[in-house]
Amino acid sequence: MEFSHTPVLLRETIEGLAIKENGIYVDGTAGGGGHSTEILKRLTTGKLISIDQDPDAISALTQKFKKNENAIVIKGNFGNMKDLLELRGVRRVDGVLLDIGVSSHQLDTASRGFSFHEDAKLDMRMSRSGVTAEELVNTLPYEELRRIIAEYGEERFAASIAKGIIAAREQAPVTTTLQLAEIVKASVPQKVRRDGHPARKTFQAIRIAVNDELNVLSRGLNDAFKLLGKGGRLAVITFHSLEDRIVKQQMADWCRGCTCPKDFPVCVCGNKPKARLVNKKPVCANETELADNPRARSAKLRICEKI
């Protein structure tokens, strides 16, 4: 299958990055190259560094940009962005884009084990390396399973789902996506099954745990901000509240000035804002985009500029 991904909030993201034709930009989660392609169109002497941990994406990006002298493709995790760039002599950039979460290709390729709609081995590894979802589901103790499903999936029936997984694996290992989906379905009340697929939140939670997504996001945000030069912009697209909360809080911290108590007559902390918000509220997909790409419905774009 060709690695493809419909880029969400494409126009808004590209405009928000305020691309300079001679600038250096990073697409830290390049995927199928949708956003990268649009950035490259706006460069003359500038460079775009496209990073992805998925070998399928790297293969597709390398082929797609092989004739473009402005394109550099790197296999790696955006959480290690600063080290990846410094190894190549890049210490300052003009903009960074992070499109967080699972790609359409990963969801639509059944063998990757991300989807609860088709049967496949429980995998969910974005990088195709490391611990699989199958290993986590079959080895984690009850309390850790419950915590992951509750925190990362924001699932109110986490306890009963974790108990269902433990009971099922005592009979035989849980090895496929549909096995897990059926266990979740059987572990929640009947009325919950009518409100979308009941396995969605559990699959999200296990995927986040497999890929350590929230810790990677925190590291990636800090690396990106350190790399930005004055006036450089960071654009981040998230797809669920856990990601968006991390991005919102981190950008707010960078934009915060004096932290002294309000009753202090003068500032003694010396803290000054390191960034400003380009958009005070997150940018969401309009009706036209939602009609063309329903997966954009939960997308939120936040942009800040280093000062």
Protein backbone atom coordinates (compact mmCIF):
# COMPACT_ATOMS: atom_id res chain seq x y z
CA MET A 1 0.00 0.00 0.00
CA GLU A 2 1.23 3.50 -0.86
CA PHE A 3 1.91 5.66 2.20
CA SER A 4 -0.71 8.39 1.98
CA HIS A 5 -2.16 10.78 4.55
CA THR A 6 -4.59 13.62 3.99
CA PRO A 7 -3.02 16.62 5.75
CA VAL A 8 -5.44 18.37 8.09
CA LEU A 9 -5.67 22.14 8.49
CA LEU A 10 -3.19 22.44 5.63
CA ARG A 11 -3.83 26.05 4.59
CA GLU A 12 -4.05 27.29 8.17
CA THR A 13 -0.83 25.52 9.16
CA ILE A 14 1.20 26.75 6.20
CA GLU A 15 -0.04 30.32 6.64
CA GLY A 16 0.65 30.13 10.37
CA LEU A 17 4.27 29.12 9.84
CA ALA A 18 4.87 32.36 7.88
CA ILE A 19 7.42 30.57 5.67
CA LYS A 20 10.47 32.46 4.40
CA GLU A 21 11.81 31.25 1.06
CA ASN A 22 15.36 30.98 2.45
CA GLY A 23 14.40 29.57 5.86
CA ILE A 24 15.07 26.23 7.51
CA TYR A 25 11.96 24.27 8.52
CA VAL A 26 11.25 20.96 10.23
CA ASP A 27 8.27 18.69 9.69
CA GLY A 28 8.76 16.48 12.72
CA THR A 29 5.98 14.02 11.84
CA ALA A 30 6.15 14.02 8.06
CA GLY A 31 4.09 10.89 7.37
CA GLY A 32 2.96 10.88 3.73
CA GLY A 33 4.50 14.30 3.14
CA GLY A 34 1.35 16.39 2.67
CA HIS A 35 2.46 19.29 4.83
CA SER A 36 6.09 18.85 3.76
CA THR A 37 5.13 19.20 0.10
CA GLU A 38 3.44 22.54 0.71
CA ILE A 39 6.37 23.87 2.73
CA LEU A 40 8.80 22.88 -0.05
CA LYS A 41 6.72 24.76 -2.63
CA ARG A 42 7.48 27.97 -0.75
CA LEU A 43 11.25 27.51 -0.47
CA THR A 44 13.88 28.71 -2.96
CA THR A 45 17.23 28.45 -1.17
CA GLY A 46 15.76 27.23 2.11
CA LYS A 47 15.72 23.69 3.49
CA LEU A 48 13.00 21.41 4.82
CA ILE A 49 13.94 18.58 7.17
CA SER A 50 11.24 15.89 7.18
CA ILE A 51 11.41 13.47 10.12
CA ASP A 52 9.41 10.30 10.74
CA GLN A 53 9.96 7.14 12.78
CA ASP A 54 7.86 4.94 10.49
CA PRO A 55 10.03 3.11 7.92
CA ASP A 56 7.07 3.05 5.49
CA ALA A 57 6.89 6.85 5.67
CA ILE A 58 10.64 7.24 5.22
CA SER A 59 10.58 5.05 2.12
CA ALA A 60 7.71 7.07 0.63
CA LEU A 61 9.24 10.45 1.53
CA THR A 62 12.65 9.51 0.14
CA GLN A 63 11.06 8.55 -3.17
CA LYS A 64 8.76 11.58 -3.23
CA PHE A 65 11.46 14.17 -2.61
CA LYS A 66 14.45 12.50 -4.27
CA LYS A 67 14.70 15.22 -6.95
CA ASN A 68 14.17 18.16 -4.59
CA GLU A 69 17.46 19.70 -3.47
CA ASN A 70 15.73 21.56 -0.65
CA ALA A 71 14.48 18.36 1.01
CA ILE A 72 16.27 16.37 3.71
CA VAL A 73 14.62 13.17 5.00
CA ILE A 74 15.60 11.72 8.38
CA LYS A 75 14.40 8.50 10.03
CA GLY A 76 13.92 9.15 13.72
CA ASN A 77 11.58 10.21 16.50
CA PHE A 78 10.67 13.90 16.75
CA GLY A 79 11.17 13.62 20.51
CA ASN A 80 14.90 13.48 19.70
CA MET A 81 14.70 16.30 17.15
CA LYS A 82 17.48 18.46 18.60
CA ASP A 83 20.03 15.61 18.57
CA LEU A 84 18.95 14.48 15.08
CA LEU A 85 19.49 17.97 13.68
CA GLU A 86 22.70 18.75 15.56
CA LEU A 87 24.25 15.56 14.15
CA ARG A 88 23.74 17.20 10.75
CA GLY A 89 25.07 20.59 11.82
CA VAL A 90 21.68 22.29 12.17
CA ARG A 91 21.32 24.29 15.40
CA ARG A 92 18.74 26.95 14.46
CA VAL A 93 15.53 26.71 12.45
CA ASP A 94 12.81 29.13 11.37
CA GLY A 95 9.82 26.90 11.95
CA VAL A 96 8.70 23.50 13.20
CA LEU A 97 5.50 21.60 12.44
CA LEU A 98 4.25 18.69 14.54
CA ASP A 99 1.16 16.78 13.39
CA ILE A 100 0.64 14.49 16.37
CA GLY A 101 -0.87 11.01 16.50
CA VAL A 102 -1.52 8.05 14.24
CA SER A 103 -1.52 8.56 10.47
CA SER A 104 -4.25 7.54 8.02
CA HIS A 105 -1.84 5.04 6.49
CA GLN A 106 -1.21 3.39 9.83
CA LEU A 107 -4.94 3.23 10.60
CA ASP A 108 -5.86 1.96 7.15
CA THR A 109 -3.15 -0.70 6.91
CA ALA A 110 -4.76 -3.56 8.82
CA SER A 111 -1.48 -5.41 9.39
CA ARG A 112 -0.17 -2.52 11.51
CA GLY A 113 -2.68 -3.47 14.21
CA PHE A 114 -4.01 0.03 14.98
CA SER A 115 -7.62 -0.48 13.89
CA PHE A 116 -10.43 -2.23 15.75
CA HIS A 117 -12.40 -2.60 12.50
CA GLU A 118 -10.18 -5.23 10.86
CA ASP A 119 -8.51 -8.34 12.26
CA ALA A 120 -4.72 -8.30 12.57
CA LYS A 121 -1.94 -8.97 15.03
CA LEU A 122 -1.97 -6.55 17.96
CA ASP A 123 1.01 -4.38 17.06
CA MET A 124 0.45 -0.56 17.11
CA ARG A 125 4.17 0.32 16.89
CA MET A 126 4.64 3.48 14.83
CA SER A 127 8.34 2.72 14.42
CA ARG A 128 7.86 -1.04 13.84
CA SER A 129 10.30 -1.62 16.70
CA GLY A 130 10.02 -2.07 20.45
CA VAL A 131 7.29 -3.57 22.62
CA THR A 132 4.02 -4.43 20.84
CA ALA A 133 0.45 -3.91 21.99
CA GLU A 134 0.14 -7.69 22.25
CA GLU A 135 2.99 -7.82 24.75
CA LEU A 136 1.50 -5.05 26.88
CA VAL A 137 -2.01 -6.49 26.87
CA ASN A 138 -0.77 -9.92 27.90
CA THR A 139 1.84 -8.97 30.50
CA LEU A 140 0.79 -5.81 32.33
CA PRO A 141 -0.78 -6.31 35.76
CA TYR A 142 -4.41 -5.32 36.29
CA GLU A 143 -3.71 -2.01 38.02
CA GLU A 144 -1.35 -0.79 35.29
CA LEU A 145 -3.78 -1.83 32.55
CA ARG A 146 -6.60 -0.02 34.34
CA ARG A 147 -4.46 3.12 34.77
CA ILE A 148 -3.44 3.21 31.10
CA ILE A 149 -7.00 2.77 29.85
CA ALA A 150 -8.36 5.33 32.32
CA GLU A 151 -5.66 7.99 31.84
CA TYR A 152 -4.75 7.64 28.18
CA GLY A 153 -8.20 6.64 26.94
CA GLU A 154 -10.20 8.74 29.39
CA GLU A 155 -12.39 5.65 29.64
CA ARG A 156 -14.82 5.56 32.59
CA PHE A 157 -15.21 1.78 32.31
CA ALA A 158 -11.45 1.19 32.53
CA ALA A 159 -11.71 -1.09 35.57
CA SER A 160 -14.19 -3.51 33.99
CA ILE A 161 -12.28 -3.51 30.67
CA ALA A 162 -8.99 -4.28 32.45
CA LYS A 163 -10.71 -7.11 34.37
CA GLY A 164 -12.11 -8.43 31.09
CA ILE A 165 -8.64 -8.46 29.51
CA ILE A 166 -7.12 -10.25 32.52
CA ALA A 167 -9.90 -12.88 32.50
CA ALA A 168 -9.56 -13.45 28.76
CA ARG A 169 -5.77 -13.82 28.75
CA GLU A 170 -5.95 -16.38 31.58
CA GLN A 171 -7.80 -18.61 29.11
CA ALA A 172 -5.60 -17.83 26.07
CA PRO A 173 -3.29 -14.99 24.97
CA VAL A 174 -4.99 -11.96 23.40
CA THR A 175 -3.20 -11.72 20.07
CA THR A 176 -5.43 -9.90 17.57
CA THR A 177 -7.24 -6.59 17.22
CA LEU A 178 -10.69 -8.11 16.93
CA GLN A 179 -10.09 -10.28 20.00
CA LEU A 180 -9.33 -7.18 22.03
CA ALA A 181 -12.23 -5.24 20.52
CA GLU A 182 -14.65 -8.02 21.47
CA ILE A 183 -13.29 -8.16 25.03
CA VAL A 184 -13.87 -4.41 25.39
CA LYS A 185 -17.35 -4.70 23.91
CA ALA A 186 -18.26 -7.43 26.38
CA SER A 187 -16.89 -5.42 29.31
CA VAL A 188 -19.03 -2.28 28.96
CA PRO A 189 -22.79 -1.73 29.43
CA GLN A 190 -25.10 -2.38 26.49
CA LYS A 191 -26.03 1.31 26.16
CA VAL A 192 -22.36 2.25 25.65
CA ARG A 193 -22.14 -0.03 22.61
CA ARG A 194 -24.67 2.13 20.78
CA ASP A 195 -22.57 5.30 21.10
CA GLY A 196 -19.79 4.61 18.58
CA HIS A 197 -17.47 1.63 18.86
CA PRO A 198 -16.74 0.96 22.55
CA ALA A 199 -13.15 -0.10 21.81
CA ARG A 200 -12.04 3.28 20.44
CA LYS A 201 -10.82 4.73 23.74
CA THR A 202 -9.08 1.52 24.82
CA PHE A 203 -7.25 1.22 21.49
CA GLN A 204 -6.18 4.87 21.78
CA ALA A 205 -4.88 4.26 25.31
CA ILE A 206 -2.86 1.18 24.42
CA ARG A 207 -1.44 2.86 21.31
CA ILE A 208 -0.30 5.83 23.41
CA ALA A 209 1.37 3.47 25.89
CA VAL A 210 3.09 1.40 23.17
CA ASN A 211 4.58 4.51 21.55
CA ASP A 212 5.10 6.54 24.76
CA GLU A 213 3.35 9.32 22.88
CA LEU A 214 2.78 11.86 25.65
CA ASN A 215 6.37 11.81 26.91
CA VAL A 216 7.60 12.02 23.31
CA LEU A 217 5.34 15.03 22.73
CA SER A 218 6.71 16.84 25.79
CA ARG A 219 10.30 16.19 24.72
CA GLY A 220 9.56 17.16 21.14
CA LEU A 221 7.97 20.47 22.13
CA ASN A 222 10.99 21.42 24.23
CA ASP A 223 13.44 20.37 21.50
CA ALA A 224 11.51 22.32 18.88
CA PHE A 225 11.46 25.49 20.98
CA LYS A 226 15.20 25.26 21.72
CA LEU A 227 15.89 24.98 17.98
CA LEU A 228 13.77 27.98 17.00
CA GLY A 229 15.54 31.24 16.28
CA LYS A 230 14.01 34.60 17.21
CA GLY A 231 10.76 35.00 15.28
CA GLY A 232 10.62 31.27 14.55
CA ARG A 233 7.23 29.59 14.79
CA LEU A 234 6.05 26.28 16.20
CA ALA A 235 2.79 24.85 14.82
CA VAL A 236 1.27 21.81 16.52
CA ILE A 237 -1.80 19.83 15.43
CA THR A 238 -3.37 17.55 18.04
CA PHE A 239 -6.27 15.11 17.88
CA HIS A 240 -7.35 14.47 21.47
CA SER A 241 -7.57 16.35 24.74
CA LEU A 242 -4.51 14.76 26.36
CA GLU A 243 -2.22 16.00 23.57
CA ASP A 244 -3.90 19.39 23.33
CA ARG A 245 -3.61 19.95 27.09
CA ILE A 246 0.15 19.36 26.99
CA VAL A 247 0.59 21.74 24.04
CA LYS A 248 -1.68 24.42 25.51
CA GLN A 249 0.06 24.36 28.90
CA GLN A 250 3.56 24.36 27.43
CA MET A 251 2.84 27.28 25.12
CA ALA A 252 1.23 29.16 28.02
CA ASP A 253 4.40 28.64 30.08
CA TRP A 254 6.57 30.06 27.29
CA CYS A 255 4.26 33.07 26.96
CA ARG A 256 4.11 33.79 30.68
CA GLY A 257 5.94 36.82 32.01
CA CYS A 258 6.31 37.87 35.64
CA THR A 259 5.33 35.18 38.16
CA CYS A 260 5.65 37.34 41.28
CA PRO A 261 2.64 37.55 43.65
CA LYS A 262 0.24 40.33 42.61
CA ASP A 263 0.85 42.27 45.82
CA PHE A 264 4.59 42.71 45.09
CA PRO A 265 5.26 46.38 44.23
CA VAL A 266 8.00 45.46 41.72
CA CYS A 267 9.01 42.33 39.84
CA VAL A 268 11.78 40.35 41.53
CA CYS A 269 11.53 37.12 39.53
CA GLY A 270 12.89 38.66 36.33
CA ASN A 271 10.84 36.24 34.25
CA LYS A 272 10.03 37.49 30.75
CA PRO A 273 7.86 35.89 28.07
CA LYS A 274 9.80 33.67 25.67
CA ALA A 275 7.01 33.42 23.10
CA ARG A 276 3.72 34.88 21.96
CA LEU A 277 0.62 33.06 20.77
CA VAL A 278 -0.12 33.57 17.08
CA ASN A 279 -3.73 32.45 17.65
CA LYS A 280 -5.21 32.88 21.13
CA LYS A 281 -7.67 30.04 20.47
CA PRO A 282 -6.94 26.77 18.65
CA VAL A 283 -7.77 26.64 14.94
CA CYS A 284 -10.23 23.88 13.98
CA ALA A 285 -11.33 22.43 10.65
CA ASN A 286 -14.11 24.25 8.79
CA GLU A 287 -17.23 22.59 7.39
CA THR A 288 -15.70 22.18 3.92
CA GLU A 289 -12.69 20.28 5.24
CA LEU A 290 -14.84 18.15 7.54
CA ALA A 291 -16.98 17.11 4.57
CA ASP A 292 -13.86 16.02 2.67
CA ASN A 293 -11.98 14.53 5.62
CA PRO A 294 -14.08 13.47 8.65
CA ARG A 295 -10.90 12.54 10.54
CA ALA A 296 -10.20 16.25 10.90
CA ARG A 297 -13.15 16.75 13.25
CA SER A 298 -11.06 16.56 16.44
CA ALA A 299 -7.98 18.37 15.08
CA LYS A 300 -6.75 21.50 16.88
CA LEU A 301 -3.92 23.72 15.64
CA ARG A 302 -1.93 25.89 18.06
CA ILE A 303 0.89 28.18 16.95
CA CYS A 304 3.39 30.24 18.92
CA GLU A 305 6.28 32.49 17.92
CA LYS A 306 9.59 32.72 19.78
CA ILE A 307 10.45 36.29 20.87
